[in-house]
Amino acid sequence: MATSSGAARLEPDVPEAHLDSLSLRVLAFEDAWSGRTGAKASAIRAEFEVAPARYYQLLSAILDSPAALRHDPLLVRRLQRMRDSRAAARASRTFRLDTQDPTD
C-alpha cells in the first residue's frame, strides 16, 4: 500500500492523544517544584483543590501516559524513576508479623 508521499508509514492510523489542561498543570507544577523544599501538600491543596493522595494518583496516571512522555520526556522519566525508587523502598521494608516477645 503506497502513501501519497511515497514514504512508508511508521505509525498506525491512531489519533494522537493529547494531554488535557489538568495534566499539563500537574506536569508544570512538578517541574516548578523540583529542587524546592517546603510544604508541598499545602501547595497541592491550594493549587489543585484536591487531597495530596488524590493528586499523587493523578500524577501516577499521567506519568504512565504516552502523551506525557511525548510532551516532556526528561521530566516524565525523572518522575517515573523517583516513583519507582520510592515503590521499591516501600516493598523492601520488612514488617514484623509476630507480636509476642520471643524471649518469653
N, C-alpha and C. Protein backbone atom coordinates (compact mmCIF):
# COMPACT_ATOMS: atom_id res chain seq x y z
N MET A 1 0.83 -1.17 0.00
CA MET A 1 0.00 0.00 0.00
C MET A 1 0.88 1.23 0.00
N ALA A 2 0.71 2.11 -0.95
CA ALA A 2 1.54 3.30 -1.08
C ALA A 2 0.84 4.49 -0.46
N THR A 3 1.63 5.39 0.10
CA THR A 3 1.08 6.62 0.64
C THR A 3 1.28 7.72 -0.38
N SER A 4 0.66 8.85 -0.17
CA SER A 4 0.74 9.94 -1.13
C SER A 4 2.16 10.48 -1.27
N SER A 5 2.94 10.40 -0.23
CA SER A 5 4.31 10.90 -0.30
C SER A 5 5.29 9.82 -0.75
N GLY A 6 4.83 8.60 -0.83
CA GLY A 6 5.69 7.51 -1.24
C GLY A 6 6.52 6.93 -0.10
N ALA A 7 6.47 7.53 1.08
CA ALA A 7 7.24 7.05 2.22
C ALA A 7 6.41 6.04 3.00
N ALA A 8 7.08 5.11 3.61
CA ALA A 8 6.39 4.11 4.44
C ALA A 8 5.94 4.77 5.73
N ARG A 9 4.74 4.43 6.14
CA ARG A 9 4.22 4.96 7.41
C ARG A 9 4.77 4.14 8.56
N LEU A 10 5.25 4.84 9.58
CA LEU A 10 5.80 4.16 10.74
C LEU A 10 4.78 4.02 11.86
N GLU A 11 3.76 4.87 11.85
CA GLU A 11 2.78 4.84 12.92
C GLU A 11 1.43 4.40 12.38
N PRO A 12 0.66 3.64 13.16
CA PRO A 12 -0.68 3.24 12.72
C PRO A 12 -1.62 4.44 12.69
N ASP A 13 -2.77 4.26 12.07
CA ASP A 13 -3.76 5.33 11.98
C ASP A 13 -4.53 5.44 13.29
N VAL A 14 -3.86 5.93 14.31
CA VAL A 14 -4.45 6.13 15.62
C VAL A 14 -4.34 7.61 15.93
N PRO A 15 -5.43 8.25 16.33
CA PRO A 15 -5.33 9.67 16.64
C PRO A 15 -4.37 9.88 17.82
N GLU A 16 -3.54 10.90 17.68
CA GLU A 16 -2.55 11.17 18.72
C GLU A 16 -3.26 11.69 19.96
N ALA A 17 -2.96 11.08 21.09
CA ALA A 17 -3.56 11.50 22.35
C ALA A 17 -2.82 12.74 22.85
N HIS A 18 -3.58 13.70 23.31
CA HIS A 18 -3.01 14.93 23.84
C HIS A 18 -3.32 15.00 25.33
N LEU A 19 -2.51 15.74 26.04
CA LEU A 19 -2.74 15.94 27.46
C LEU A 19 -3.81 17.00 27.66
N ASP A 20 -4.67 16.78 28.64
CA ASP A 20 -5.66 17.80 28.97
C ASP A 20 -5.01 18.89 29.82
N SER A 21 -5.75 19.93 30.08
CA SER A 21 -5.17 21.08 30.80
C SER A 21 -4.75 20.72 32.21
N LEU A 22 -5.49 19.84 32.88
CA LEU A 22 -5.11 19.43 34.24
C LEU A 22 -3.78 18.68 34.21
N SER A 23 -3.60 17.79 33.26
CA SER A 23 -2.35 17.04 33.15
C SER A 23 -1.17 17.99 32.89
N LEU A 24 -1.39 18.96 32.04
CA LEU A 24 -0.33 19.95 31.76
C LEU A 24 0.00 20.76 33.01
N ARG A 25 -1.03 21.12 33.77
CA ARG A 25 -0.79 21.88 35.02
C ARG A 25 -0.03 21.04 36.03
N VAL A 26 -0.38 19.76 36.14
CA VAL A 26 0.31 18.88 37.08
C VAL A 26 1.78 18.74 36.70
N LEU A 27 2.06 18.53 35.42
CA LEU A 27 3.46 18.42 34.98
C LEU A 27 4.22 19.72 35.20
N ALA A 28 3.58 20.85 34.93
CA ALA A 28 4.22 22.15 35.16
C ALA A 28 4.50 22.36 36.64
N PHE A 29 3.56 21.95 37.49
CA PHE A 29 3.74 22.06 38.94
C PHE A 29 4.92 21.23 39.41
N GLU A 30 4.99 19.99 38.93
CA GLU A 30 6.11 19.11 39.31
C GLU A 30 7.44 19.66 38.81
N ASP A 31 7.45 20.20 37.61
CA ASP A 31 8.68 20.77 37.07
C ASP A 31 9.12 21.97 37.89
N ALA A 32 8.17 22.83 38.26
CA ALA A 32 8.50 24.01 39.05
C ALA A 32 8.89 23.64 40.48
N TRP A 33 8.36 22.55 40.99
CA TRP A 33 8.61 22.17 42.38
C TRP A 33 9.97 21.51 42.55
N SER A 34 10.55 20.96 41.51
CA SER A 34 11.81 20.23 41.65
C SER A 34 12.88 21.13 42.26
N GLY A 35 13.54 20.61 43.25
CA GLY A 35 14.60 21.35 43.93
C GLY A 35 14.11 22.25 45.04
N ARG A 36 12.81 22.42 45.17
CA ARG A 36 12.28 23.26 46.23
C ARG A 36 12.02 22.42 47.47
N THR A 37 11.98 23.08 48.58
CA THR A 37 11.61 22.41 49.83
C THR A 37 10.41 23.15 50.39
N GLY A 38 9.76 22.52 51.31
CA GLY A 38 8.61 23.17 51.93
C GLY A 38 7.42 22.25 51.95
N ALA A 39 6.30 22.86 52.27
CA ALA A 39 5.07 22.10 52.44
C ALA A 39 4.40 21.88 51.09
N LYS A 40 4.79 20.81 50.42
CA LYS A 40 4.23 20.51 49.11
C LYS A 40 2.75 20.15 49.21
N ALA A 41 2.36 19.47 50.27
CA ALA A 41 0.96 19.09 50.44
C ALA A 41 0.06 20.33 50.49
N SER A 42 0.50 21.37 51.17
CA SER A 42 -0.28 22.61 51.22
C SER A 42 -0.37 23.25 49.85
N ALA A 43 0.73 23.23 49.12
CA ALA A 43 0.73 23.81 47.78
C ALA A 43 -0.19 23.02 46.84
N ILE A 44 -0.22 21.71 47.00
CA ILE A 44 -1.10 20.87 46.19
C ILE A 44 -2.56 21.22 46.47
N ARG A 45 -2.90 21.33 47.75
CA ARG A 45 -4.28 21.67 48.11
C ARG A 45 -4.67 23.05 47.56
N ALA A 46 -3.75 24.01 47.66
CA ALA A 46 -4.04 25.37 47.19
C ALA A 46 -4.15 25.44 45.67
N GLU A 47 -3.27 24.75 44.98
CA GLU A 47 -3.21 24.82 43.51
C GLU A 47 -4.30 24.00 42.84
N PHE A 48 -4.55 22.79 43.33
CA PHE A 48 -5.44 21.87 42.64
C PHE A 48 -6.75 21.59 43.37
N GLU A 49 -6.84 22.01 44.62
CA GLU A 49 -8.03 21.81 45.44
C GLU A 49 -8.40 20.33 45.56
N VAL A 50 -7.39 19.49 45.71
CA VAL A 50 -7.58 18.06 45.96
C VAL A 50 -6.63 17.64 47.08
N ALA A 51 -6.94 16.52 47.68
CA ALA A 51 -6.07 15.97 48.71
C ALA A 51 -4.77 15.49 48.06
N PRO A 52 -3.66 15.55 48.77
CA PRO A 52 -2.40 15.08 48.20
C PRO A 52 -2.46 13.64 47.70
N ALA A 53 -3.18 12.77 48.39
CA ALA A 53 -3.28 11.37 47.94
C ALA A 53 -3.91 11.30 46.56
N ARG A 54 -4.97 12.07 46.32
CA ARG A 54 -5.62 12.08 45.01
C ARG A 54 -4.69 12.69 43.96
N TYR A 55 -3.96 13.72 44.34
CA TYR A 55 -3.01 14.35 43.42
C TYR A 55 -1.97 13.33 42.95
N TYR A 56 -1.44 12.55 43.88
CA TYR A 56 -0.42 11.56 43.51
C TYR A 56 -1.01 10.43 42.67
N GLN A 57 -2.28 10.11 42.86
CA GLN A 57 -2.94 9.15 41.98
C GLN A 57 -3.02 9.72 40.56
N LEU A 58 -3.41 10.99 40.46
CA LEU A 58 -3.46 11.64 39.15
C LEU A 58 -2.08 11.69 38.50
N LEU A 59 -1.09 12.08 39.29
CA LEU A 59 0.27 12.17 38.77
C LEU A 59 0.76 10.83 38.25
N SER A 60 0.49 9.77 38.98
CA SER A 60 0.91 8.44 38.56
C SER A 60 0.27 8.05 37.24
N ALA A 61 -1.01 8.34 37.09
CA ALA A 61 -1.70 8.04 35.84
C ALA A 61 -1.13 8.87 34.69
N ILE A 62 -0.81 10.11 34.96
CA ILE A 62 -0.22 10.98 33.93
C ILE A 62 1.15 10.45 33.52
N LEU A 63 1.94 10.01 34.49
CA LEU A 63 3.29 9.51 34.19
C LEU A 63 3.25 8.24 33.34
N ASP A 64 2.17 7.49 33.43
CA ASP A 64 2.03 6.27 32.63
C ASP A 64 1.50 6.56 31.22
N SER A 65 1.17 7.81 30.96
CA SER A 65 0.59 8.19 29.67
C SER A 65 1.67 8.43 28.62
N PRO A 66 1.54 7.81 27.45
CA PRO A 66 2.50 8.08 26.36
C PRO A 66 2.48 9.55 25.93
N ALA A 67 1.33 10.20 26.06
CA ALA A 67 1.24 11.62 25.70
C ALA A 67 2.12 12.47 26.60
N ALA A 68 2.18 12.12 27.88
CA ALA A 68 3.05 12.87 28.81
C ALA A 68 4.51 12.66 28.45
N LEU A 69 4.86 11.45 28.08
CA LEU A 69 6.24 11.17 27.69
C LEU A 69 6.62 11.95 26.44
N ARG A 70 5.70 12.07 25.51
CA ARG A 70 5.97 12.87 24.31
C ARG A 70 6.06 14.36 24.65
N HIS A 71 5.27 14.80 25.62
CA HIS A 71 5.23 16.22 25.98
C HIS A 71 6.55 16.69 26.61
N ASP A 72 7.04 15.94 27.59
CA ASP A 72 8.28 16.32 28.29
C ASP A 72 9.00 15.06 28.75
N PRO A 73 9.76 14.42 27.85
CA PRO A 73 10.36 13.13 28.19
C PRO A 73 11.32 13.18 29.37
N LEU A 74 12.11 14.24 29.50
CA LEU A 74 13.06 14.30 30.60
C LEU A 74 12.36 14.39 31.95
N LEU A 75 11.38 15.25 32.05
CA LEU A 75 10.63 15.39 33.30
C LEU A 75 9.89 14.11 33.64
N VAL A 76 9.20 13.54 32.67
CA VAL A 76 8.40 12.34 32.94
C VAL A 76 9.29 11.17 33.34
N ARG A 77 10.39 10.98 32.66
CA ARG A 77 11.29 9.88 33.05
C ARG A 77 11.89 10.09 34.43
N ARG A 78 12.23 11.34 34.77
CA ARG A 78 12.76 11.62 36.11
C ARG A 78 11.71 11.31 37.17
N LEU A 79 10.48 11.74 36.93
CA LEU A 79 9.41 11.47 37.89
C LEU A 79 9.09 9.99 37.98
N GLN A 80 9.16 9.27 36.86
CA GLN A 80 8.95 7.82 36.88
C GLN A 80 10.03 7.14 37.70
N ARG A 81 11.29 7.56 37.53
CA ARG A 81 12.39 6.97 38.31
C ARG A 81 12.18 7.22 39.80
N MET A 82 11.77 8.44 40.15
CA MET A 82 11.53 8.75 41.57
C MET A 82 10.38 7.91 42.12
N ARG A 83 9.31 7.78 41.34
CA ARG A 83 8.16 6.98 41.77
C ARG A 83 8.57 5.52 41.96
N ASP A 84 9.32 4.99 40.99
CA ASP A 84 9.72 3.59 41.05
C ASP A 84 10.68 3.32 42.20
N SER A 85 11.59 4.26 42.48
CA SER A 85 12.52 4.04 43.60
C SER A 85 11.79 4.10 44.93
N ARG A 86 10.80 4.97 45.05
CA ARG A 86 10.01 5.01 46.29
C ARG A 86 9.20 3.73 46.47
N ALA A 87 8.64 3.23 45.38
CA ALA A 87 7.88 1.98 45.45
C ALA A 87 8.78 0.81 45.84
N ALA A 88 10.00 0.79 45.29
CA ALA A 88 10.94 -0.28 45.64
C ALA A 88 11.34 -0.18 47.11
N ALA A 89 11.52 1.04 47.60
CA ALA A 89 11.88 1.21 49.01
C ALA A 89 10.74 0.73 49.91
N ARG A 90 9.51 1.03 49.52
CA ARG A 90 8.37 0.55 50.32
C ARG A 90 8.28 -0.97 50.29
N ALA A 91 8.53 -1.55 49.13
CA ALA A 91 8.43 -3.01 49.00
C ALA A 91 9.53 -3.73 49.77
N SER A 92 10.68 -3.08 49.95
CA SER A 92 11.79 -3.75 50.61
C SER A 92 11.69 -3.70 52.13
N ARG A 93 10.79 -2.89 52.64
CA ARG A 93 10.64 -2.82 54.09
C ARG A 93 10.10 -4.14 54.61
N THR A 94 10.63 -4.55 55.75
CA THR A 94 10.12 -5.78 56.36
C THR A 94 9.22 -5.41 57.53
N PHE A 95 8.17 -6.14 57.66
CA PHE A 95 7.24 -5.91 58.75
C PHE A 95 7.23 -7.14 59.64
N ARG A 96 7.26 -6.89 60.91
CA ARG A 96 7.26 -7.98 61.86
C ARG A 96 5.83 -8.42 62.11
N LEU A 97 5.55 -9.68 61.84
CA LEU A 97 4.20 -10.19 61.99
C LEU A 97 3.92 -10.77 63.37
N ASP A 98 4.94 -11.33 64.02
CA ASP A 98 4.70 -11.90 65.33
C ASP A 98 4.69 -10.76 66.37
N THR A 99 3.70 -10.79 67.21
CA THR A 99 3.54 -9.72 68.20
C THR A 99 4.02 -10.14 69.59
N GLN A 100 4.37 -11.41 69.73
CA GLN A 100 4.83 -11.88 71.05
C GLN A 100 6.34 -11.74 71.14
N ASP A 101 6.80 -11.49 72.32
CA ASP A 101 8.22 -11.37 72.58
C ASP A 101 8.85 -12.77 72.51
N PRO A 102 9.86 -12.99 71.66
CA PRO A 102 10.44 -14.34 71.53
C PRO A 102 11.20 -14.78 72.78
N THR A 103 11.47 -13.90 73.71
CA THR A 103 12.22 -14.27 74.91
C THR A 103 11.31 -14.87 75.97
N ASP A 104 9.99 -14.83 75.77
CA ASP A 104 9.07 -15.39 76.79
C ASP A 104 9.14 -16.89 76.84
